[in-house]
N, C-alpha and C. Protein backbone atom coordinates (compact mmCIF):
# COMPACT_ATOMS: atom_id res chain seq x y z
N MET A 1 0.94 -1.12 0.05
CA MET A 1 0.15 0.15 0.20
C MET A 1 0.79 1.33 0.19
N ALA A 2 0.36 2.24 -0.88
CA ALA A 2 1.21 3.38 -1.23
C ALA A 2 1.24 4.23 0.28
N PRO A 3 2.21 4.97 1.03
CA PRO A 3 2.07 5.93 1.96
C PRO A 3 1.05 6.74 1.82
N LYS A 4 0.41 7.20 2.51
CA LYS A 4 -0.57 8.43 2.55
C LYS A 4 -0.21 9.76 3.14
N ILE A 5 -0.26 10.44 2.35
CA ILE A 5 0.50 11.89 2.86
C ILE A 5 -0.55 13.07 2.68
N TYR A 6 -0.54 13.75 3.74
CA TYR A 6 -1.52 14.87 4.10
C TYR A 6 -0.37 15.99 3.56
N ILE A 7 -0.94 17.15 2.92
CA ILE A 7 -0.48 18.23 2.76
C ILE A 7 -1.44 19.47 3.49
N VAL A 8 -1.01 19.89 4.63
CA VAL A 8 -1.88 20.66 5.34
C VAL A 8 -1.30 22.20 5.05
N ILE A 9 -2.64 22.87 4.76
CA ILE A 9 -2.28 24.23 4.22
C ILE A 9 -3.14 25.39 4.89
N TYR A 10 -2.55 26.42 4.76
CA TYR A 10 -3.66 27.82 5.04
C TYR A 10 -3.17 28.74 3.97
N SER A 11 -3.81 29.14 2.69
CA SER A 11 -3.72 29.84 1.99
C SER A 11 -4.45 30.74 1.55
N LEU A 12 -4.28 32.34 1.71
CA LEU A 12 -5.27 33.15 1.83
C LEU A 12 -5.26 33.69 0.41
N TYR A 13 -4.39 33.99 -0.29
CA TYR A 13 -4.42 34.41 -1.58
C TYR A 13 -3.86 33.41 -2.61
N GLY A 14 -3.75 32.40 -2.37
CA GLY A 14 -3.54 31.14 -3.37
C GLY A 14 -2.01 30.74 -3.48
N HIS A 15 -1.01 31.20 -2.92
CA HIS A 15 0.45 30.97 -3.19
C HIS A 15 0.70 29.55 -2.63
N ILE A 16 0.42 29.37 -1.32
CA ILE A 16 0.60 28.32 -0.72
C ILE A 16 -0.20 27.25 -1.62
N THR A 17 -1.38 27.22 -2.09
CA THR A 17 -2.01 26.21 -2.71
C THR A 17 -1.43 25.98 -3.91
N ALA A 18 -0.98 27.02 -4.77
CA ALA A 18 0.03 26.64 -5.94
C ALA A 18 1.23 25.83 -5.67
N VAL A 19 1.79 26.31 -4.53
CA VAL A 19 3.13 25.31 -4.30
C VAL A 19 2.49 24.14 -3.79
N ALA A 20 1.60 23.85 -3.08
CA ALA A 20 0.85 22.71 -2.75
C ALA A 20 0.71 21.61 -3.75
N ARG A 21 0.08 22.08 -4.61
CA ARG A 21 -0.11 21.34 -5.94
C ARG A 21 1.13 20.71 -6.61
N GLU A 22 2.22 21.47 -6.57
CA GLU A 22 3.49 20.99 -7.39
C GLU A 22 4.27 19.90 -6.19
N ILE A 23 4.16 20.04 -4.89
CA ILE A 23 4.43 19.04 -4.12
C ILE A 23 3.80 18.04 -3.92
N GLU A 24 2.30 18.03 -4.28
CA GLU A 24 1.33 16.95 -4.71
C GLU A 24 1.69 16.09 -5.91
N ALA A 25 2.45 16.88 -6.93
CA ALA A 25 2.74 16.10 -8.21
C ALA A 25 4.31 15.30 -7.87
N GLY A 26 4.85 15.91 -7.07
CA GLY A 26 6.33 15.17 -6.63
C GLY A 26 6.06 13.97 -5.92
N LEU A 27 5.08 14.23 -4.95
CA LEU A 27 4.58 13.18 -3.97
C LEU A 27 3.97 11.56 -4.57
N LYS A 28 3.26 12.09 -5.72
CA LYS A 28 2.36 11.03 -6.34
C LYS A 28 3.66 10.33 -7.53
N GLU A 29 4.32 11.22 -8.12
CA GLU A 29 5.59 10.63 -8.72
C GLU A 29 6.39 9.77 -8.19
N GLY A 30 6.39 10.13 -6.53
CA GLY A 30 7.37 9.25 -5.82
C GLY A 30 6.40 8.06 -5.15
N GLY A 31 5.13 7.82 -5.69
CA GLY A 31 4.18 6.76 -5.44
C GLY A 31 3.59 7.04 -4.17
N CYS A 32 3.33 7.93 -3.54
CA CYS A 32 2.39 8.35 -2.46
C CYS A 32 0.93 8.79 -2.93
N ASP A 33 -0.05 8.41 -2.07
CA ASP A 33 -1.30 8.79 -2.14
C ASP A 33 -1.68 10.31 -1.43
N VAL A 34 -1.86 10.91 -1.88
CA VAL A 34 -1.81 12.74 -1.40
C VAL A 34 -3.16 13.11 -1.23
N VAL A 35 -3.33 13.85 0.11
CA VAL A 35 -4.76 14.18 0.35
C VAL A 35 -4.11 15.83 0.57
N ILE A 36 -4.71 16.91 0.12
CA ILE A 36 -4.44 18.34 0.58
C ILE A 36 -5.71 18.64 1.31
N CYS A 37 -5.42 19.12 2.21
CA CYS A 37 -6.88 19.96 3.22
C CYS A 37 -6.03 21.11 3.71
N ARG A 38 -7.24 22.02 4.16
CA ARG A 38 -6.90 23.34 4.68
C ARG A 38 -7.37 23.57 6.12
N ALA A 39 -6.54 24.41 6.64
CA ALA A 39 -6.89 25.13 7.98
C ALA A 39 -8.20 25.65 8.13
N PRO A 40 -9.10 25.75 9.00
CA PRO A 40 -10.54 26.75 8.80
C PRO A 40 -9.97 28.01 9.01
N GLU A 41 -10.71 28.84 8.40
CA GLU A 41 -10.24 30.32 8.23
C GLU A 41 -10.77 30.90 9.69
N LEU A 42 -10.36 32.04 10.32
CA LEU A 42 -10.38 32.45 11.58
C LEU A 42 -10.61 33.80 11.28
N LEU A 43 -10.75 34.48 9.99
CA LEU A 43 -10.97 35.79 10.05
C LEU A 43 -12.59 35.88 9.56
N SER A 44 -13.11 36.94 9.86
CA SER A 44 -14.45 37.24 9.56
C SER A 44 -14.53 37.47 7.98
N ALA A 45 -15.90 37.40 7.54
CA ALA A 45 -16.27 37.85 6.01
C ALA A 45 -15.78 39.22 5.95
N GLU A 46 -15.72 40.09 6.77
CA GLU A 46 -15.83 41.61 6.84
C GLU A 46 -14.22 41.85 6.58
N ILE A 47 -13.60 41.18 7.47
CA ILE A 47 -12.02 41.44 7.36
C ILE A 47 -11.39 40.78 6.18
N LEU A 48 -12.04 39.87 5.57
CA LEU A 48 -11.38 39.17 4.36
C LEU A 48 -11.41 40.14 3.20
N GLU A 49 -12.77 40.68 3.29
CA GLU A 49 -13.21 41.46 2.06
C GLU A 49 -11.96 42.56 2.14
N LYS A 50 -12.04 43.28 3.21
CA LYS A 50 -11.05 44.69 3.44
C LYS A 50 -9.83 44.34 3.06
N MET A 51 -9.48 42.87 3.09
CA MET A 51 -8.09 42.56 2.84
C MET A 51 -7.82 42.00 1.27
N HIS A 52 -8.90 42.50 0.72
CA HIS A 52 -9.31 41.89 -0.80
C HIS A 52 -8.82 40.35 -0.95
N ALA A 53 -9.29 39.56 -0.10
CA ALA A 53 -8.90 38.07 -0.31
C ALA A 53 -9.87 37.29 -1.13
N PRO A 54 -9.63 36.50 -1.97
CA PRO A 54 -10.24 35.55 -2.91
C PRO A 54 -11.31 34.87 -2.17
N PRO A 55 -12.04 34.25 -2.73
CA PRO A 55 -12.94 32.95 -1.80
C PRO A 55 -11.91 31.72 -2.01
N ALA A 56 -12.31 31.11 -0.66
CA ALA A 56 -11.25 30.11 -0.46
C ALA A 56 -11.64 29.17 -1.29
N ASP A 57 -10.56 28.34 -1.69
CA ASP A 57 -10.81 26.95 -2.63
C ASP A 57 -11.67 26.15 -2.03
N GLU A 58 -12.90 25.93 -2.51
CA GLU A 58 -13.67 24.98 -1.83
C GLU A 58 -13.50 23.44 -2.34
N SER A 59 -12.54 23.55 -3.44
CA SER A 59 -12.49 22.25 -3.71
C SER A 59 -11.17 21.18 -2.46
N ILE A 60 -10.62 22.24 -2.22
CA ILE A 60 -9.75 21.63 -0.82
C ILE A 60 -10.49 21.60 0.24
N PRO A 61 -10.54 20.34 0.64
CA PRO A 61 -11.65 20.17 2.06
C PRO A 61 -10.84 20.63 3.28
N LEU A 62 -11.70 21.03 4.32
CA LEU A 62 -11.37 21.50 5.61
C LEU A 62 -10.58 20.27 6.26
N CYS A 63 -9.78 20.63 7.02
CA CYS A 63 -8.79 19.46 7.58
C CYS A 63 -9.40 19.49 9.22
N THR A 64 -9.32 18.07 9.55
CA THR A 64 -9.89 17.72 10.82
C THR A 64 -8.58 16.86 11.57
N VAL A 65 -8.65 17.08 12.87
CA VAL A 65 -7.63 16.13 13.62
C VAL A 65 -7.95 14.70 13.16
N ALA A 66 -8.92 14.08 12.98
CA ALA A 66 -9.32 12.98 12.94
C ALA A 66 -8.54 12.54 11.37
N ASP A 67 -8.48 13.37 10.47
CA ASP A 67 -7.90 13.16 9.49
C ASP A 67 -6.44 12.91 9.47
N LEU A 68 -5.75 13.66 10.42
CA LEU A 68 -4.27 13.48 10.35
C LEU A 68 -3.80 12.32 11.10
N ALA A 69 -4.65 11.82 11.83
CA ALA A 69 -4.60 10.17 12.71
C ALA A 69 -4.48 9.11 11.58
N GLY A 70 -4.63 9.40 10.59
CA GLY A 70 -4.34 8.43 9.47
C GLY A 70 -3.21 8.55 8.33
N ALA A 71 -2.68 9.53 8.70
CA ALA A 71 -1.48 10.12 7.66
C ALA A 71 -0.41 9.21 8.09
N ASP A 72 0.68 8.93 6.84
CA ASP A 72 1.71 8.04 7.00
C ASP A 72 3.00 9.41 7.03
N GLY A 73 2.38 10.57 6.86
CA GLY A 73 3.12 11.85 6.89
C GLY A 73 2.49 13.15 6.70
N ILE A 74 3.18 14.16 7.07
CA ILE A 74 2.33 15.36 6.82
C ILE A 74 3.29 16.21 6.32
N ILE A 75 2.95 17.18 5.31
CA ILE A 75 3.94 18.41 5.07
C ILE A 75 2.81 19.49 5.16
N PHE A 76 3.48 20.64 5.92
CA PHE A 76 2.72 21.47 6.07
C PHE A 76 3.00 22.84 5.51
N GLY A 77 1.98 23.49 4.74
CA GLY A 77 2.10 24.91 3.90
C GLY A 77 1.95 25.94 4.82
N LEU A 78 3.16 26.65 5.05
CA LEU A 78 2.89 27.76 6.14
C LEU A 78 2.97 29.28 5.18
N SER A 79 1.66 29.73 5.18
CA SER A 79 1.76 30.99 5.08
C SER A 79 2.27 31.77 6.50
N THR A 80 2.68 32.96 5.99
CA THR A 80 3.37 33.76 7.35
C THR A 80 2.97 34.91 7.47
N ARG A 81 2.93 35.29 9.02
CA ARG A 81 2.72 36.51 9.63
C ARG A 81 4.02 36.95 10.33
N PHE A 82 4.47 37.84 9.93
CA PHE A 82 5.63 38.50 10.78
C PHE A 82 6.82 37.23 11.23
N GLY A 83 6.83 36.41 10.20
CA GLY A 83 7.83 35.48 10.40
C GLY A 83 7.70 34.23 11.08
N MET A 84 6.43 33.99 11.07
CA MET A 84 6.04 32.63 11.71
C MET A 84 4.72 32.17 11.20
N ALA A 85 4.47 30.87 11.42
CA ALA A 85 2.93 30.55 10.67
C ALA A 85 1.77 31.13 11.23
N THR A 86 0.74 31.38 10.12
CA THR A 86 -0.42 31.98 10.69
C THR A 86 -1.18 31.44 11.67
N ALA A 87 -2.14 32.35 12.39
CA ALA A 87 -2.96 31.65 13.51
C ALA A 87 -3.81 30.67 12.96
N GLN A 88 -4.15 30.68 11.73
CA GLN A 88 -5.26 29.58 11.27
C GLN A 88 -4.58 28.36 11.46
N LEU A 89 -3.34 28.10 10.95
CA LEU A 89 -2.78 26.90 10.83
C LEU A 89 -2.28 26.18 12.48
N LYS A 90 -1.84 27.15 13.01
CA LYS A 90 -1.67 27.17 14.53
C LYS A 90 -2.68 26.71 15.34
N SER A 91 -3.70 27.36 15.06
CA SER A 91 -5.16 26.93 15.70
C SER A 91 -5.63 25.48 15.44
N LEU A 92 -5.25 25.19 14.39
CA LEU A 92 -5.66 23.75 13.91
C LEU A 92 -4.67 22.75 14.60
N TRP A 93 -3.45 23.13 14.74
CA TRP A 93 -2.41 22.10 15.20
C TRP A 93 -2.50 22.32 16.86
N ASP A 94 -3.10 23.31 17.30
CA ASP A 94 -3.48 23.33 18.93
C ASP A 94 -4.35 22.32 19.21
N SER A 95 -4.95 21.97 18.26
CA SER A 95 -6.43 21.18 18.59
C SER A 95 -5.62 19.73 18.46
N THR A 96 -4.71 19.30 18.58
CA THR A 96 -4.05 18.13 18.40
C THR A 96 -3.54 17.43 20.04
N GLY A 97 -4.06 18.08 20.65
CA GLY A 97 -3.68 17.49 22.17
C GLY A 97 -3.60 15.83 22.26
N GLY A 98 -4.84 15.56 21.84
CA GLY A 98 -5.31 14.33 22.10
C GLY A 98 -4.58 13.06 21.52
N MET A 99 -4.06 13.78 20.23
CA MET A 99 -3.06 12.71 19.24
C MET A 99 -1.74 13.09 20.01
N TRP A 100 -1.37 14.21 20.67
CA TRP A 100 -0.19 14.03 21.26
C TRP A 100 0.09 13.05 22.72
N GLN A 101 -1.31 13.25 23.29
CA GLN A 101 -1.57 12.23 24.57
C GLN A 101 -1.46 10.67 24.03
N ALA A 102 -2.18 10.60 23.04
CA ALA A 102 -2.06 8.87 22.50
C ALA A 102 -0.58 8.55 21.44
N GLY A 103 0.11 9.62 21.61
CA GLY A 103 1.50 9.38 20.60
C GLY A 103 1.18 8.85 19.17
N ALA A 104 -0.04 9.38 18.68
CA ALA A 104 -0.38 9.12 17.34
C ALA A 104 0.43 9.73 16.20
N LEU A 105 1.09 10.37 16.29
CA LEU A 105 1.92 10.80 15.31
C LEU A 105 3.62 10.63 15.71
N VAL A 106 3.93 10.15 16.57
CA VAL A 106 5.13 9.44 16.95
C VAL A 106 5.89 8.65 15.74
N GLY A 107 6.98 9.08 15.39
CA GLY A 107 7.60 8.68 14.36
C GLY A 107 7.34 8.80 12.99
N LYS A 108 6.44 9.69 12.78
CA LYS A 108 6.04 9.70 11.34
C LYS A 108 6.67 11.16 10.69
N PRO A 109 7.01 11.21 9.53
CA PRO A 109 7.92 12.34 9.00
C PRO A 109 7.01 13.39 8.57
N ALA A 110 7.73 14.64 8.63
CA ALA A 110 7.01 15.82 8.32
C ALA A 110 7.87 16.70 7.63
N GLY A 111 7.26 17.70 6.98
CA GLY A 111 8.07 18.53 6.04
C GLY A 111 7.33 19.84 6.11
N VAL A 112 8.01 20.92 5.64
CA VAL A 112 7.32 22.37 5.77
C VAL A 112 7.57 22.93 4.24
N PHE A 113 6.60 23.91 3.71
CA PHE A 113 7.14 24.81 2.82
C PHE A 113 6.37 26.01 3.06
N VAL A 114 6.77 27.28 2.34
CA VAL A 114 6.56 28.61 2.90
C VAL A 114 6.02 29.50 1.69
N SER A 115 5.20 30.77 2.28
CA SER A 115 5.36 31.58 1.54
C SER A 115 5.34 32.98 2.24
N THR A 116 6.12 34.05 1.70
CA THR A 116 6.05 35.10 2.45
C THR A 116 6.09 36.24 1.42
N ALA A 117 5.82 37.21 1.81
CA ALA A 117 5.98 38.56 1.17
C ALA A 117 6.91 39.15 0.38
N THR A 118 8.05 39.30 1.13
CA THR A 118 9.43 39.31 1.07
C THR A 118 10.48 38.63 0.95
N GLN A 119 11.43 38.76 0.47
CA GLN A 119 12.97 37.90 0.69
C GLN A 119 13.14 37.79 2.15
N GLN A 120 12.82 38.85 2.80
CA GLN A 120 13.42 38.80 4.54
C GLN A 120 12.17 38.43 5.41
N GLY A 121 11.08 37.90 4.86
CA GLY A 121 9.80 37.87 5.54
C GLY A 121 9.75 36.84 6.14
N GLY A 122 10.64 35.73 6.39
CA GLY A 122 10.59 34.64 7.19
C GLY A 122 10.40 33.30 6.48
N GLN A 123 11.15 33.00 5.26
CA GLN A 123 11.31 31.68 4.44
C GLN A 123 11.95 30.82 5.78
N GLU A 124 12.80 31.35 6.45
CA GLU A 124 13.38 30.11 6.98
C GLU A 124 13.00 30.00 8.91
N THR A 125 12.73 31.22 9.25
CA THR A 125 12.40 31.53 10.51
C THR A 125 10.88 30.65 10.67
N ALA A 126 10.15 30.73 9.79
CA ALA A 126 8.72 29.99 9.85
C ALA A 126 8.90 28.50 10.20
N ALA A 127 10.05 28.18 9.11
CA ALA A 127 10.29 26.73 9.24
C ALA A 127 10.68 26.30 10.36
N VAL A 128 11.74 27.02 11.15
CA VAL A 128 12.46 26.65 12.14
C VAL A 128 11.64 26.64 13.35
N THR A 129 10.65 27.58 13.71
CA THR A 129 9.61 27.89 14.61
C THR A 129 8.62 26.61 14.87
N TRP A 130 8.31 26.14 13.35
CA TRP A 130 7.44 24.96 13.25
C TRP A 130 8.01 23.75 13.58
N ILE A 131 9.05 23.45 13.69
CA ILE A 131 10.09 22.25 14.04
C ILE A 131 9.61 21.98 15.42
N SER A 132 9.61 23.16 16.33
CA SER A 132 9.22 22.93 17.60
C SER A 132 7.86 22.15 17.94
N GLN A 133 6.70 22.53 17.02
CA GLN A 133 5.63 22.10 16.95
C GLN A 133 5.49 20.24 16.61
N LEU A 134 6.54 20.10 15.68
CA LEU A 134 6.70 18.64 15.37
C LEU A 134 7.46 17.83 16.48
N THR A 135 8.45 18.38 17.10
CA THR A 135 9.21 17.85 17.93
C THR A 135 8.29 17.40 19.12
N HIS A 136 7.37 18.09 19.57
CA HIS A 136 6.17 17.86 20.66
C HIS A 136 5.54 16.44 20.43
N HIS A 137 5.17 16.60 19.19
CA HIS A 137 4.75 15.24 18.83
C HIS A 137 5.59 14.05 18.69
N GLY A 138 6.89 14.09 18.77
CA GLY A 138 7.95 13.18 18.28
C GLY A 138 7.96 12.83 16.94
N MET A 139 7.69 13.82 15.77
CA MET A 139 7.65 13.45 14.57
C MET A 139 8.95 13.90 14.12
N ILE A 140 9.19 13.07 12.93
CA ILE A 140 10.49 13.24 12.41
C ILE A 140 10.55 14.31 11.21
N PHE A 141 11.36 15.34 11.40
CA PHE A 141 11.32 16.57 10.51
C PHE A 141 12.24 16.22 9.56
N VAL A 142 11.89 16.25 8.09
CA VAL A 142 12.39 15.89 6.90
C VAL A 142 12.85 17.07 6.09
N PRO A 143 14.04 17.49 6.15
CA PRO A 143 14.33 18.67 5.50
C PRO A 143 14.92 18.49 4.04
N MET A 144 14.68 19.39 3.25
CA MET A 144 15.04 19.08 1.88
C MET A 144 16.50 19.03 1.61
N GLY A 145 17.11 19.82 2.54
CA GLY A 145 18.46 19.92 2.52
C GLY A 145 19.01 20.44 0.95
N TYR A 146 20.04 20.07 0.58
CA TYR A 146 20.55 20.38 -0.74
C TYR A 146 20.57 19.65 -1.77
N THR A 147 19.41 18.77 -1.72
CA THR A 147 19.41 17.59 -2.44
C THR A 147 18.95 17.81 -4.01
N THR A 148 18.89 19.12 -4.26
CA THR A 148 18.65 19.42 -5.72
C THR A 148 19.57 20.53 -6.05
N PRO A 149 20.11 20.69 -7.24
CA PRO A 149 21.05 21.77 -7.39
C PRO A 149 20.27 22.86 -7.76
N LEU A 150 19.02 22.75 -7.94
CA LEU A 150 18.08 24.05 -8.02
C LEU A 150 18.33 24.71 -7.03
N LEU A 151 18.66 24.87 -5.89
CA LEU A 151 18.68 25.62 -4.72
C LEU A 151 20.19 26.33 -4.53
N PHE A 152 21.13 25.81 -5.45
CA PHE A 152 22.34 26.67 -5.54
C PHE A 152 22.19 27.73 -6.59
N GLY A 153 21.33 27.86 -7.43
CA GLY A 153 21.21 29.13 -8.43
C GLY A 153 21.18 30.42 -7.91
N MET A 154 21.91 31.15 -8.43
CA MET A 154 22.01 32.70 -7.98
C MET A 154 21.51 33.56 -9.03
N ASP A 155 20.89 33.16 -10.19
CA ASP A 155 20.73 34.09 -11.31
C ASP A 155 19.36 34.63 -11.53
N GLU A 156 18.38 34.19 -10.29
CA GLU A 156 16.84 34.65 -10.49
C GLU A 156 16.63 34.84 -8.59
N ILE A 157 15.58 35.52 -8.78
CA ILE A 157 15.11 35.14 -7.01
C ILE A 157 13.94 34.10 -6.99
N ARG A 158 14.28 33.53 -5.89
CA ARG A 158 13.39 32.44 -5.65
C ARG A 158 13.29 32.28 -4.07
N GLY A 159 11.93 31.85 -3.96
CA GLY A 159 12.02 31.38 -2.54
C GLY A 159 12.36 30.01 -2.31
N GLY A 160 12.16 29.32 -1.02
CA GLY A 160 12.83 28.13 -0.90
C GLY A 160 14.09 28.18 -0.16
N SER A 161 14.42 26.99 0.96
CA SER A 161 15.77 26.97 1.16
C SER A 161 16.09 25.57 1.81
N PRO A 162 17.13 24.98 2.69
CA PRO A 162 17.25 23.57 2.86
C PRO A 162 16.10 23.29 3.73
N TYR A 163 15.33 24.04 4.36
CA TYR A 163 14.04 23.56 5.02
C TYR A 163 13.17 23.14 4.44
N GLY A 164 12.87 23.73 3.24
CA GLY A 164 11.62 23.30 2.17
C GLY A 164 11.62 24.30 1.13
N ALA A 165 10.45 23.85 0.13
CA ALA A 165 10.32 24.88 -0.84
C ALA A 165 9.60 26.10 -0.35
N GLY A 166 9.57 27.00 -1.06
CA GLY A 166 9.07 28.36 -0.97
C GLY A 166 8.60 29.30 -2.08
N THR A 167 7.85 30.37 -1.80
CA THR A 167 7.67 31.33 -2.82
C THR A 167 7.70 32.74 -2.08
N TYR A 168 7.70 33.71 -3.07
CA TYR A 168 7.33 34.92 -2.73
C TYR A 168 6.32 35.88 -3.68
N ALA A 169 5.63 36.18 -2.64
CA ALA A 169 4.16 36.59 -3.00
C ALA A 169 4.25 38.28 -3.14
N GLY A 170 5.38 38.74 -3.02
CA GLY A 170 5.42 40.35 -3.28
C GLY A 170 4.50 41.32 -2.32
N ALA A 171 4.66 42.34 -2.08
CA ALA A 171 4.20 43.09 -0.86
C ALA A 171 2.55 43.50 -1.30
N ASP A 172 2.13 43.00 -2.34
CA ASP A 172 0.75 43.27 -3.02
C ASP A 172 0.20 41.99 -3.22
N GLY A 173 1.13 40.99 -3.24
CA GLY A 173 0.21 39.45 -3.30
C GLY A 173 0.12 39.02 -4.77
N SER A 174 0.69 40.05 -5.69
CA SER A 174 0.53 39.86 -7.25
C SER A 174 1.50 39.01 -7.85
N ARG A 175 2.59 38.19 -7.14
CA ARG A 175 3.58 37.54 -7.55
C ARG A 175 3.05 36.36 -7.56
N MET A 176 2.99 35.35 -8.29
CA MET A 176 3.00 33.97 -8.17
C MET A 176 4.04 32.86 -8.34
N PRO A 177 4.17 31.94 -8.03
CA PRO A 177 5.39 30.95 -7.95
C PRO A 177 5.72 30.80 -9.28
N SER A 178 7.24 30.93 -9.61
CA SER A 178 7.73 31.02 -10.60
C SER A 178 8.07 29.62 -11.02
N GLN A 179 8.45 29.17 -12.25
CA GLN A 179 8.66 27.92 -12.62
C GLN A 179 9.53 27.35 -11.75
N LEU A 180 10.78 28.11 -11.57
CA LEU A 180 11.97 27.43 -10.92
C LEU A 180 11.22 27.31 -9.02
N GLU A 181 10.45 27.70 -8.79
CA GLU A 181 9.94 27.62 -7.32
C GLU A 181 8.91 26.39 -7.73
N LYS A 182 8.04 26.40 -8.43
CA LYS A 182 7.60 24.87 -8.57
C LYS A 182 8.41 23.82 -9.03
N ASP A 183 9.50 23.92 -9.45
CA ASP A 183 10.46 22.80 -10.04
C ASP A 183 11.06 22.34 -8.54
N ILE A 184 11.15 23.40 -7.39
CA ILE A 184 11.79 22.95 -6.36
C ILE A 184 10.85 22.18 -5.62
N ALA A 185 9.75 22.67 -5.64
CA ALA A 185 8.61 22.15 -4.61
C ALA A 185 8.27 20.53 -5.24
N GLN A 186 8.34 20.35 -6.41
CA GLN A 186 8.21 19.16 -7.05
C GLN A 186 9.01 18.12 -6.51
N HIS A 187 10.42 18.54 -6.64
CA HIS A 187 11.59 17.85 -6.16
C HIS A 187 11.08 17.56 -4.37
N GLN A 188 10.94 18.34 -3.86
CA GLN A 188 10.64 18.24 -2.46
C GLN A 188 9.61 17.37 -2.30
N GLY A 189 8.63 17.31 -2.81
CA GLY A 189 7.41 16.13 -2.74
C GLY A 189 8.26 14.79 -3.10
N LYS A 190 8.96 14.70 -3.96
CA LYS A 190 9.47 13.40 -4.88
C LYS A 190 10.44 12.89 -3.59
N TYR A 191 11.39 13.71 -3.08
CA TYR A 191 12.05 13.55 -2.05
C TYR A 191 11.34 12.96 -0.83
N PHE A 192 10.52 13.64 -0.33
CA PHE A 192 9.80 13.42 0.80
C PHE A 192 9.13 11.99 0.75
N ALA A 193 8.73 11.90 -0.58
CA ALA A 193 8.06 10.47 -0.83
C ALA A 193 9.06 9.34 -0.57
N GLY A 194 10.22 9.27 -0.83
CA GLY A 194 11.02 8.19 -0.80
C GLY A 194 11.55 8.08 0.86
N VAL A 195 11.51 9.25 1.49
CA VAL A 195 11.87 9.02 3.14
C VAL A 195 10.51 8.59 3.53
N ALA A 196 9.32 8.98 3.18
CA ALA A 196 8.10 8.57 4.03
C ALA A 196 7.92 6.76 3.57
N THR A 197 8.40 6.58 2.30
CA THR A 197 8.29 5.12 2.00
C THR A 197 9.17 4.17 2.64
N ALA A 198 10.34 4.86 3.12
CA ALA A 198 11.06 4.12 4.07
C ALA A 198 10.94 3.82 5.38
N LEU A 199 10.35 4.94 5.73
CA LEU A 199 9.88 4.89 7.27
C LEU A 199 8.43 4.41 7.38
N ARG A 200 7.81 3.97 6.55
CA ARG A 200 6.32 3.76 6.70
C ARG A 200 6.06 2.34 7.70
N ASP A 201 6.98 1.60 7.35
CA ASP A 201 7.08 0.43 8.27
C ASP A 201 7.61 0.08 9.46
N GLY A 202 8.48 1.50 9.69
CA GLY A 202 9.12 1.76 10.98
C GLY A 202 8.21 1.36 12.53
N GLU A 203 9.15 1.21 13.46
CA GLU A 203 8.20 1.06 14.75
C GLU A 203 8.71 2.04 15.69
N ALA A 204 8.98 3.23 14.97
CA ALA A 204 9.35 4.24 16.33
C ALA A 204 8.45 4.41 17.13
N HIS A 205 6.92 4.09 16.83
CA HIS A 205 5.81 4.48 17.61
C HIS A 205 5.80 3.54 19.05
N ARG A 206 6.43 2.48 18.92
CA ARG A 206 6.26 1.56 20.09
C ARG A 206 7.12 2.14 20.83
N TYR A 207 8.03 3.24 21.03
CA TYR A 207 8.63 3.72 22.02
C TYR A 207 7.89 4.65 22.80
N PHE A 208 6.85 5.00 22.68
CA PHE A 208 6.11 5.98 22.97
C PHE A 208 5.75 5.50 24.35
N LYS A 209 5.76 6.10 25.47
CA LYS A 209 5.18 5.58 26.82
C LYS A 209 4.03 6.48 27.26
C-alpha cells in the first residue's frame, strides 16, 4: 500500500495552494497517495473583504484532527505573518492535544514549505519555529537539504531553502510561484515520498510511553 501523505495548508491568496499542487505532483511521482486539506479560516468575512482576499478554494476540504491520525506523513504549507506560521494553521495544530497524548504521530515524517511577501519575510524562521511543533509530537522533520542543484542557483530571485520549498508573493500579493519555485517544490515532494516510504513500516511508535 502506498504511503498516505497529507498536505496541510492555509492559503489566503493562493500562493501556498499553488506550491502545494507542485509538491502533490512530486509526491505522486514518488508513489504516494496524497490529500491536500486546509485549516479553517478564523477571520470574519468583513475582514477578508477588506484584505481583498479571494474566496476560499472549496475544492480543498477542511482539515480535521481525525484526518491527520491516518496520515503516514504530513507536509505543512506555512503562510506567514511576521516570520511565523499564521494563526489559522497554529489553531488547527493546537487542537491535536489528544493525538499528542496518544502518541498518534510519533515517528511519522513531516516537512514544511512557505510563502512570504518579501525575501526577508521569514522563509527560514517560519520553518524553524514550526519544527518545535513537530518535536513535541515526536515527528521526524524531513528537510529538503541541498538535494537538488536548483537551490544553488543565483541567477534569479526564488523562495525556498534547505528547510523546504517556498515562494515570494510580493508586498501586494501579485507575484505567483515561478517555474523555478515550482520545480523545487516538485523535487521536495518526490524526495519526501522516498523518506516516507522508507519509514512507513518503521516501529518508532512503539517507544512511546
